[in-house]
Protein backbone atom coordinates (compact mmCIF):
# COMPACT_ATOMS: atom_id res chain seq x y z
CA MET A 1 0.37 -11.37 8.15
CA SER A 2 2.96 -11.51 5.24
CA PHE A 3 6.22 -9.94 4.58
CA ASP A 4 6.68 -11.40 1.07
CA ALA A 5 6.59 -9.19 -2.11
CA PRO A 6 4.01 -10.24 -4.79
CA SER A 7 4.79 -13.45 -6.46
CA SER A 8 5.01 -11.80 -9.83
CA ALA A 9 7.98 -9.86 -8.52
CA GLY A 10 11.31 -11.25 -9.88
CA PRO A 11 14.61 -11.50 -7.75
CA ILE A 12 16.99 -8.49 -7.60
CA TYR A 13 20.59 -9.33 -8.73
CA LEU A 14 23.71 -7.75 -6.91
CA LEU A 15 26.97 -7.85 -8.70
CA CYS A 16 29.55 -7.09 -6.16
CA ARG A 17 32.87 -8.52 -5.21
CA ASN A 18 32.87 -7.68 -1.69
CA VAL A 19 31.24 -10.65 -0.01
CA ALA A 20 30.56 -9.10 3.40
CA TYR A 21 29.16 -6.08 1.92
CA ALA A 22 26.96 -8.07 -0.46
CA ASN A 23 25.72 -10.14 2.26
CA ASP A 24 24.63 -7.19 4.22
CA ILE A 25 22.55 -5.78 1.41
CA VAL A 26 21.00 -9.25 0.67
CA HIS A 27 20.08 -9.16 4.41
CA GLN A 28 18.44 -5.84 4.59
CA LEU A 29 16.50 -6.49 1.36
CA SER A 30 15.23 -9.78 2.82
CA LEU A 31 13.81 -7.95 5.84
CA PHE A 32 11.15 -6.52 3.15
CA GLY A 33 10.52 -9.74 1.69
CA LEU A 34 12.70 -9.33 -1.33
CA ARG A 35 14.69 -12.00 -2.74
CA CYS A 36 18.27 -10.58 -3.55
CA ILE A 37 20.84 -12.72 -4.95
CA ALA A 38 24.70 -11.72 -4.88
CA PHE A 39 27.13 -12.45 -7.73
CA ALA A 40 30.94 -11.92 -7.61
CA ARG A 41 31.34 -12.90 -11.24
CA ALA A 42 29.78 -11.16 -14.28
CA SER A 43 29.58 -14.61 -16.07
CA ALA A 44 27.08 -15.82 -13.37
CA VAL A 45 24.91 -12.75 -13.26
CA LEU A 46 24.44 -12.84 -17.03
CA ALA A 47 23.36 -16.53 -16.95
CA ALA A 48 20.95 -15.74 -14.15
CA ILE A 49 19.43 -12.81 -16.02
CA HIS A 50 18.96 -15.04 -18.88
CA GLY A 51 17.25 -17.74 -16.72
CA ASP A 52 15.25 -15.80 -14.46
CA PRO A 53 14.74 -12.23 -15.41
CA PRO A 54 15.20 -9.89 -12.48
CA LEU A 55 13.24 -6.86 -11.21
CA ALA A 56 16.20 -4.93 -11.09
CA VAL A 57 20.17 -5.27 -11.00
CA LEU A 58 22.40 -3.57 -8.56
CA VAL A 59 25.82 -3.01 -9.71
CA ASP A 60 28.70 -1.95 -6.89
CA GLU A 61 31.29 0.31 -7.96
CA THR A 62 33.89 -2.38 -6.87
CA GLY A 63 32.83 -4.38 -9.97
CA CYS A 64 33.27 -8.11 -10.43
CA GLU A 65 36.19 -10.57 -10.53
CA ASP A 66 36.07 -11.51 -14.30
CA MET A 67 35.16 -8.36 -16.41
CA THR A 68 35.63 -4.53 -15.99
CA LEU A 69 32.46 -2.33 -15.66
CA PRO A 70 32.61 -0.87 -19.10
CA GLN A 71 32.51 -4.57 -20.38
CA ILE A 72 29.68 -5.84 -18.29
CA LEU A 73 27.26 -2.72 -18.11
CA PRO A 74 26.36 -3.14 -21.93
CA MET A 75 25.88 -6.73 -21.78
CA ILE A 76 23.48 -6.45 -18.64
CA VAL A 77 21.55 -3.94 -20.93
CA ARG A 78 21.11 -6.15 -23.76
CA LEU A 79 19.53 -8.83 -21.39
CA HIS A 80 17.80 -6.73 -18.91
CA ASP A 81 15.32 -3.81 -19.83
CA GLY A 82 14.56 -3.05 -16.14
CA PRO A 83 16.21 -0.55 -13.58
CA MET A 84 20.14 -0.85 -13.33
CA VAL A 85 21.16 0.80 -9.93
CA TYR A 86 24.79 1.67 -9.43
CA LEU A 87 26.06 1.83 -5.83
CA SER A 88 28.94 3.92 -5.16
CA GLN A 89 30.63 6.91 -3.36
CA PRO A 90 29.94 10.28 -4.50
CA MET A 91 31.12 10.91 -7.88
CA PRO A 92 31.66 13.82 -10.53
CA ALA A 93 28.85 14.52 -12.76
CA GLN A 94 30.67 13.61 -15.83
CA GLU A 95 31.31 10.03 -14.56
CA GLN A 96 27.56 9.80 -13.78
CA ILE A 97 26.69 10.95 -17.23
CA GLU A 98 29.12 8.27 -18.75
CA LEU A 99 27.50 5.46 -16.60
CA ALA A 100 24.04 6.67 -17.62
CA ARG A 101 25.10 6.37 -21.29
CA ALA A 102 26.32 2.83 -20.34
CA GLY A 103 22.84 2.04 -19.03
CA VAL A 104 22.83 2.76 -15.58
CA SER A 105 19.15 3.92 -14.76
CA ASP A 106 19.65 5.14 -10.99
CA PHE A 107 22.48 5.88 -8.49
CA LEU A 108 22.44 5.06 -4.92
CA PRO A 109 25.22 6.74 -2.71
CA LYS A 110 27.23 4.70 -0.25
CA PRO A 111 26.48 3.67 2.62
CA PHE A 112 23.74 1.61 1.13
CA ASP A 113 20.43 2.92 2.31
CA SER A 114 17.87 0.10 1.54
CA HIS A 115 14.89 2.45 2.14
CA ARG A 116 15.66 4.65 -0.86
CA LEU A 117 15.96 1.64 -3.13
CA ILE A 118 12.81 -0.04 -1.45
CA ASP A 119 10.82 3.41 -2.20
CA GLN A 120 11.66 2.81 -5.95
CA ILE A 121 10.87 -0.83 -5.98
CA ASP A 122 7.48 -0.21 -4.08
CA ARG A 123 6.62 2.15 -7.14
CA MET A 124 7.71 -0.51 -9.61
CA LEU A 125 5.63 -3.24 -7.94
CA GLU A 126 2.69 -0.97 -7.88
CA ALA A 127 2.88 -0.18 -11.39
CA GLN A 128 3.12 -3.99 -12.31
CA SER A 129 0.17 -5.04 -10.14
CA PRO A 130 -2.54 -2.44 -10.44
CA GLN A 131 -5.73 -2.92 -8.40
CA GLN A 132 -8.85 -3.98 -9.98
CA ALA A 133 -11.43 -1.37 -10.28
CA ARG A 134 -14.51 -2.24 -8.35
CA VAL A 135 -17.73 -1.35 -10.10
CA LEU A 136 -21.45 -1.89 -9.02
CA ILE A 137 -24.13 -1.83 -11.92
CA VAL A 138 -27.63 -1.06 -10.57
CA ASP A 139 -30.05 -1.79 -13.61
CA ASP A 140 -33.17 -4.04 -13.77
CA SER A 141 -32.37 -4.80 -17.46
CA ASP A 142 -30.52 -7.96 -17.91
CA MET A 143 -29.45 -7.17 -21.28
CA LEU A 144 -27.87 -3.73 -20.20
CA THR A 145 -26.23 -5.40 -17.17
CA HIS A 146 -24.77 -8.13 -19.15
CA TRP A 147 -23.24 -5.78 -21.93
CA ALA A 148 -21.78 -3.44 -19.38
CA SER A 149 -20.55 -6.03 -17.15
CA ASN A 150 -18.90 -7.99 -20.05
CA VAL A 151 -17.32 -4.74 -21.41
CA LEU A 152 -15.83 -3.82 -17.82
CA THR A 153 -14.87 -7.43 -16.95
CA MET A 154 -13.08 -7.79 -20.32
CA ALA A 155 -11.20 -4.53 -19.31
CA GLY A 156 -9.95 -6.21 -16.13
CA MET A 157 -12.47 -4.73 -13.56
CA ARG A 158 -14.29 -6.44 -10.83
CA VAL A 159 -18.04 -5.95 -11.39
CA ARG A 160 -20.98 -6.86 -9.21
CA SER A 161 -24.60 -5.97 -10.27
CA VAL A 162 -28.01 -5.76 -8.78
CA LYS A 163 -31.56 -5.13 -9.92
CA ASN A 164 -33.31 -3.86 -6.96
CA PRO A 165 -31.91 -0.17 -6.16
CA LEU A 166 -33.12 -0.66 -2.51
CA LYS A 167 -30.32 -3.11 -1.91
CA VAL A 168 -27.69 -0.79 -2.96
CA PRO A 169 -26.68 0.86 0.47
CA GLN A 170 -26.21 -2.75 1.98
CA LEU A 171 -24.12 -3.85 -1.14
CA ILE A 172 -21.96 -0.68 -0.97
CA ALA A 173 -21.11 -1.37 2.62
CA LEU A 174 -20.28 -5.14 1.67
CA GLU A 175 -18.49 -4.52 -1.72
CA LYS A 176 -16.97 -1.20 -1.22
CA PRO A 177 -17.44 -0.26 -5.05
CA GLU A 178 -15.20 2.64 -6.39
CA LEU A 179 -17.95 3.61 -9.06
CA ILE A 180 -21.58 3.04 -9.32
CA LEU A 181 -23.21 2.51 -12.85
CA LEU A 182 -26.84 3.54 -12.27
CA ASP A 183 -29.98 3.10 -14.35
CA MET A 184 -32.21 6.22 -14.58
CA TYR A 185 -35.66 4.36 -14.57
CA MET A 186 -36.46 1.39 -12.20
CA PRO A 187 -39.61 0.15 -10.85
CA GLU A 188 -38.66 0.71 -7.23
CA CYS A 189 -37.30 4.34 -7.70
CA THR A 190 -35.40 6.49 -10.15
CA GLY A 191 -31.82 6.80 -10.52
CA ASP A 192 -31.58 10.32 -9.33
CA GLU A 193 -33.76 9.51 -6.36
CA LEU A 194 -31.26 6.82 -5.36
CA ALA A 195 -28.39 9.10 -5.94
CA ARG A 196 -29.94 11.69 -3.69
CA VAL A 197 -30.27 9.33 -0.91
CA LEU A 198 -26.76 7.96 -1.33
CA ARG A 199 -25.34 11.44 -1.03
CA GLN A 200 -26.93 12.03 2.15
CA ASN A 201 -24.62 9.30 3.85
CA PRO A 202 -20.99 10.63 4.43
CA ALA A 203 -19.64 7.09 3.83
CA PHE A 204 -21.01 6.98 0.38
CA ASP A 205 -20.92 10.74 -0.55
CA GLY A 206 -17.64 10.56 -2.61
CA ILE A 207 -18.35 7.35 -4.69
CA PRO A 208 -18.68 8.39 -8.32
CA ILE A 209 -22.13 7.74 -9.93
CA VAL A 210 -22.53 7.54 -13.67
CA PHE A 211 -26.00 7.32 -14.98
CA LEU A 212 -26.58 4.69 -17.65
CA SER A 213 -29.98 5.38 -19.46
CA SER A 214 -31.47 5.58 -22.78
CA GLU A 215 -32.40 9.26 -21.79
CA THR A 216 -31.29 11.72 -24.38
CA GLN A 217 -32.98 14.82 -23.19
CA ARG A 218 -30.18 17.22 -22.08
CA GLY A 219 -32.19 18.93 -19.72
CA ARG A 220 -33.24 15.72 -17.79
CA GLN A 221 -29.73 14.41 -17.89
CA LEU A 222 -28.48 17.83 -16.20
CA SER A 223 -31.34 17.44 -13.69
CA ALA A 224 -30.20 13.88 -12.66
CA ARG A 225 -26.71 15.10 -12.29
CA ARG A 226 -27.75 17.87 -10.14
CA MET A 227 -29.04 15.09 -7.73
CA GLY A 228 -25.78 13.61 -7.26
CA GLY A 229 -24.52 12.09 -10.47
CA ASP A 230 -20.97 12.68 -12.06
CA ASP A 231 -21.58 11.65 -15.55
CA PHE A 232 -24.29 10.58 -17.88
CA LEU A 233 -23.74 7.71 -20.47
CA VAL A 234 -26.33 6.71 -23.13
CA LYS A 235 -27.08 2.89 -22.99
CA ASN A 236 -25.41 0.71 -25.68
CA ASN A 237 -22.93 3.60 -26.52
CA ASP A 238 -19.29 3.08 -27.48
CA PRO A 239 -17.75 0.39 -25.31
CA ASP A 240 -14.41 2.28 -25.16
CA GLU A 241 -15.97 5.33 -24.05
CA LEU A 242 -17.50 3.33 -21.09
CA ILE A 243 -14.15 1.95 -20.12
CA ASP A 244 -12.37 5.27 -20.45
CA ILE A 245 -14.90 7.05 -18.26
CA VAL A 246 -14.97 4.48 -15.65
CA THR A 247 -11.10 4.31 -15.42
CA MET A 248 -10.72 7.95 -15.24
CA MET A 249 -13.32 8.30 -12.58
CA VAL A 250 -11.99 5.49 -10.59
CA ASP A 251 -8.50 6.81 -10.63
CA ARG A 252 -9.55 10.07 -9.56
CA TYR A 253 -11.53 8.55 -6.78
CA ARG A 254 -8.54 6.90 -5.60
CA ARG A 255 -6.41 9.90 -5.56
CA LEU A 256 -8.80 11.79 -3.48
CA ARG A 257 -9.33 9.09 -1.10
CA GLU A 258 -5.73 8.78 -0.68
CA LEU A 259 -5.34 12.38 -0.02
CA MET A 260 -8.11 12.43 2.38
CA SER A 261 -7.49 9.13 4.32
CA ARG A 262 -3.90 8.51 4.15
CA ASP A 263 -0.98 10.00 5.91
CA SER A 264 1.23 11.74 3.50
CA LEU A 265 4.38 10.55 5.06
CA THR A 266 3.55 6.87 5.69
CA ARG A 267 0.59 6.21 3.29
CA LEU A 268 -1.09 4.34 6.08
CA LEU A 269 -4.64 5.58 7.36
CA ASN A 270 -4.38 8.90 9.03
CA HIS A 271 -5.72 9.23 12.56
CA THR A 272 -9.16 10.18 11.71
CA HIS A 273 -9.76 7.24 9.27
CA LEU A 274 -7.98 4.73 11.57
CA ILE A 275 -10.45 5.66 14.25
CA GLU A 276 -13.32 5.36 11.69
CA ARG A 277 -12.24 1.98 10.79
CA LEU A 278 -11.83 0.82 14.46
CA LEU A 279 -15.34 2.06 15.31
CA GLN A 280 -16.88 -0.05 12.31
CA GLU A 281 -14.81 -3.29 13.47
CA VAL A 282 -15.62 -2.69 17.03
CA ALA A 283 -19.56 -2.53 16.10
CA ARG A 284 -18.98 -5.64 13.73
CA ALA A 285 -17.15 -7.58 16.53
CA HIS A 286 -20.04 -6.83 19.02
CA GLU A 287 -22.75 -7.80 16.48
CA THR A 288 -21.25 -10.92 15.29
CA VAL A 289 -19.76 -11.98 18.92
CA ARG A 290 -16.10 -12.27 17.03
CA PRO A 291 -12.82 -11.48 18.72
CA LEU A 292 -11.07 -8.15 18.13
CA ALA A 293 -7.66 -6.96 19.22
CA PHE A 294 -6.00 -3.62 18.99
CA ALA A 295 -2.42 -2.82 19.09
CA MET A 296 -0.65 0.58 19.87
CA ILE A 297 3.11 0.84 18.71
CA ASP A 298 5.46 3.56 19.66
CA ILE A 299 9.17 3.88 18.32
CA ASP A 300 11.57 3.85 21.31
CA HIS A 301 13.63 7.00 21.99
CA PHE A 302 12.36 8.77 18.93
CA LYS A 303 12.93 12.29 20.33
CA SER A 304 16.40 11.33 20.70
CA VAL A 305 16.66 10.28 16.95
CA ASN A 306 15.17 13.64 15.94
CA ASP A 307 17.54 15.68 18.47
CA GLN A 308 20.71 14.05 17.55
CA HIS A 309 20.27 13.18 13.80
CA GLY A 310 17.72 15.66 12.66
CA HIS A 311 13.99 15.39 11.45
CA ALA A 312 15.01 13.89 8.04
CA VAL A 313 16.66 10.88 9.72
CA GLY A 314 13.55 10.67 11.97
CA ASP A 315 11.10 10.71 8.85
CA ARG A 316 13.01 7.85 7.32
CA VAL A 317 12.76 5.85 10.61
CA ILE A 318 8.91 6.47 10.46
CA LYS A 319 8.85 5.35 6.90
CA SER A 320 10.61 2.17 7.38
CA LEU A 321 8.29 1.20 10.04
CA ALA A 322 5.25 2.10 7.87
CA ARG A 323 6.66 0.18 5.00
CA LEU A 324 7.03 -2.94 7.14
CA LEU A 325 3.48 -2.57 8.38
CA ARG A 326 2.25 -2.18 4.74
CA GLN A 327 4.03 -5.24 3.71
CA ALA A 328 2.61 -7.12 6.85
CA PHE A 329 -0.76 -6.15 6.11
CA PRO A 330 -1.35 -5.74 2.44
CA GLY A 331 -4.06 -3.19 1.53
CA ALA A 332 -3.22 -1.41 4.96
CA ASP A 333 -6.79 -0.52 5.65
CA LEU A 334 -6.58 -1.61 9.20
CA VAL A 335 -3.14 0.01 9.91
CA GLY A 336 -2.68 3.70 10.61
CA ARG A 337 -0.36 6.25 11.99
CA TYR A 338 -2.07 7.36 15.33
CA GLY A 339 0.19 10.27 15.72
CA GLY A 340 3.75 11.42 15.57
CA GLU A 341 5.76 8.17 15.97
CA GLU A 342 2.86 6.13 17.27
CA PHE A 343 1.02 3.57 15.08
CA ALA A 344 -2.04 1.29 15.53
CA ILE A 345 -3.25 -1.97 14.10
CA VAL A 346 -6.81 -3.26 14.24
CA PHE A 347 -7.01 -7.10 14.46
CA PRO A 348 -10.39 -8.58 13.53
CA ASP A 349 -11.32 -11.91 14.28
CA THR A 350 -8.01 -12.22 16.33
CA SER A 351 -7.15 -13.21 20.00
CA LEU A 352 -5.06 -11.16 22.21
CA LEU A 353 -2.39 -13.70 22.06
CA ARG A 354 -2.33 -14.13 18.47
CA ALA A 355 -2.21 -10.61 17.90
CA ALA A 356 0.51 -10.03 20.45
CA GLN A 357 2.55 -12.71 18.59
CA GLN A 358 2.02 -10.93 15.16
CA VAL A 359 3.12 -7.66 16.70
CA ASP A 360 6.20 -9.30 18.43
CA VAL A 361 7.24 -10.64 14.92
CA LEU A 362 7.21 -6.99 13.61
CA ARG A 363 9.11 -5.87 16.45
CA GLU A 364 11.93 -8.36 16.01
CA ARG A 365 11.95 -7.65 12.15
CA PHE A 366 12.12 -3.85 12.79
CA GLY A 367 15.04 -4.37 15.24
CA GLU A 368 17.16 -5.93 12.46
CA PHE A 369 16.82 -2.92 10.21
CA ARG A 370 19.71 -0.78 10.13
CA HIS A 371 19.07 2.93 9.65
CA ALA A 372 21.54 5.47 8.27
CA SER A 373 22.29 8.15 10.72
CA ALA A 374 23.16 11.82 9.98
CA ASN A 375 26.82 11.26 9.51
CA GLY A 376 26.43 7.99 7.69
CA GLU A 377 26.69 5.37 10.32
CA SER A 378 24.18 2.69 10.74
CA MET A 379 21.93 2.39 13.84
CA ALA A 380 19.41 0.02 15.16
CA ILE A 381 16.10 1.24 16.50
CA SER A 382 13.37 -0.59 18.35
CA PHE A 383 9.69 -0.01 19.28
CA SER A 384 7.54 -0.92 22.21
CA ALA A 385 3.89 -2.11 21.86
CA GLY A 386 0.72 -2.41 23.89
CA VAL A 387 -2.17 -4.91 22.96
CA ALA A 388 -5.54 -5.13 24.16
CA GLN A 389 -8.63 -7.32 23.50
CA LEU A 390 -12.25 -6.10 23.14
CA ILE A 391 -14.43 -7.46 25.71
CA ASN A 392 -18.36 -7.48 26.22
CA GLY A 393 -19.49 -3.74 26.33
CA MET A 394 -16.36 -2.08 25.60
CA HIS A 395 -16.29 0.98 23.53
CA ALA A 396 -13.66 1.88 20.96
CA GLU A 397 -12.40 4.69 23.08
CA GLN A 398 -11.97 2.17 26.14
CA LEU A 399 -9.94 -0.42 23.91
CA ILE A 400 -7.61 2.49 22.74
CA GLU A 401 -7.07 3.48 26.38
CA THR A 402 -6.40 -0.21 27.39
CA ALA A 403 -3.91 -0.81 24.63
CA ASP A 404 -2.25 2.60 25.63
CA ALA A 405 -1.92 1.31 29.23
CA ALA A 406 -0.21 -1.80 28.01
CA LEU A 407 2.25 0.14 25.78
CA TYR A 408 3.06 2.28 28.81
CA GLN A 409 3.76 -0.87 30.78
CA ALA A 410 6.15 -2.14 27.95
CA LYS A 411 7.89 1.19 28.10
CA ALA A 412 8.32 1.16 31.77
CA ALA A 413 9.61 -2.44 31.74
CA GLY A 414 12.61 -1.39 29.48
CA ARG A 415 11.18 -0.89 26.08
CA ASN A 416 11.71 -3.00 22.93
CA GLN A 417 8.79 -5.37 23.94
CA VAL A 418 5.12 -6.06 23.74
CA GLY A 419 2.89 -5.56 26.84
CA LEU A 420 -0.55 -7.32 27.08
CA ALA A 421 -3.44 -5.71 28.68
CA ARG A 422 -4.76 -7.63 31.80
């Protein structure tokens, strides 16, 4: 479990003469694993930008001690080509236009809402650190496999290859490819036969399949696509075409998977896919005789938050906890929104006590967040959790019920704590 931003992410610089206000912003951003450094003098922030380029620069409307804002903003722009965010009370449109002309890229209203800034930073970090496309090549030709593998690897993709098509189902489960490059003619079976088999498995059905073959007859190509293929490329064709097609199909596959498997508000697994992952991990734990823990999390007094401050504030609270979970568990493929204000975490190869310790760290971290209420005041919100351990013979449904009972115990004991199943 980690709360750190990617190592490639630079610091965030804050120019603000109000020390107490600056320290609060630095603390709020540190809760999300972001390194924020505050400066009261323009000369100091300019030197820092020159020495260690930042991810973003925040400029408070109070300015700095040694320069006026009209003086410092153009100097920051010359040294920093990333976002410059201006923190201020509401202002007339003409003032915003003038600040935008001076180099300000974004405006954040006071009181400071760290979640709005983090949303933008999340998008920036995702753009800076794109995930490698995972490609599986199925071909009995060493020459073709070598060519396609080199082309895609040089394009930054992660490639795995196999000669025997009968091993593909096991490799898909292991490697989780986002696209399969499939030869049409192999000794064990044809490519369209394998595609038809793969399309019968719901877990494999959506993975794009591109046939890669020397077959040039259009009728045969169309027949293969009817069996489950998504596209058809002639072997030893233009490398750029191969890269473009694979890239486009992987992007489309990811977008579809995101829509199908992720909750739209939190970007965590939705209920259906969370349960699917839990079933998979329970089966694996029983098969390998490895420990498995499961945690249920529920935001305390959430109905009161919605009733008193409105659903927009409630949604921001949910998003803040979801973001904390995504940071703590990169990839978030074992973390989901169970429903409403409830979340769940699957802990493979983890004991009950170790899982409870990790959840308790999350609880403490979440309790330090300051959420903006409907009237602009800040408020602290807590969560309760229940953690259960998979035991021999236990089904996934029983594990959920046991964790839920532990959560109920934590609520009954006063909330803002982690209950352990007995």
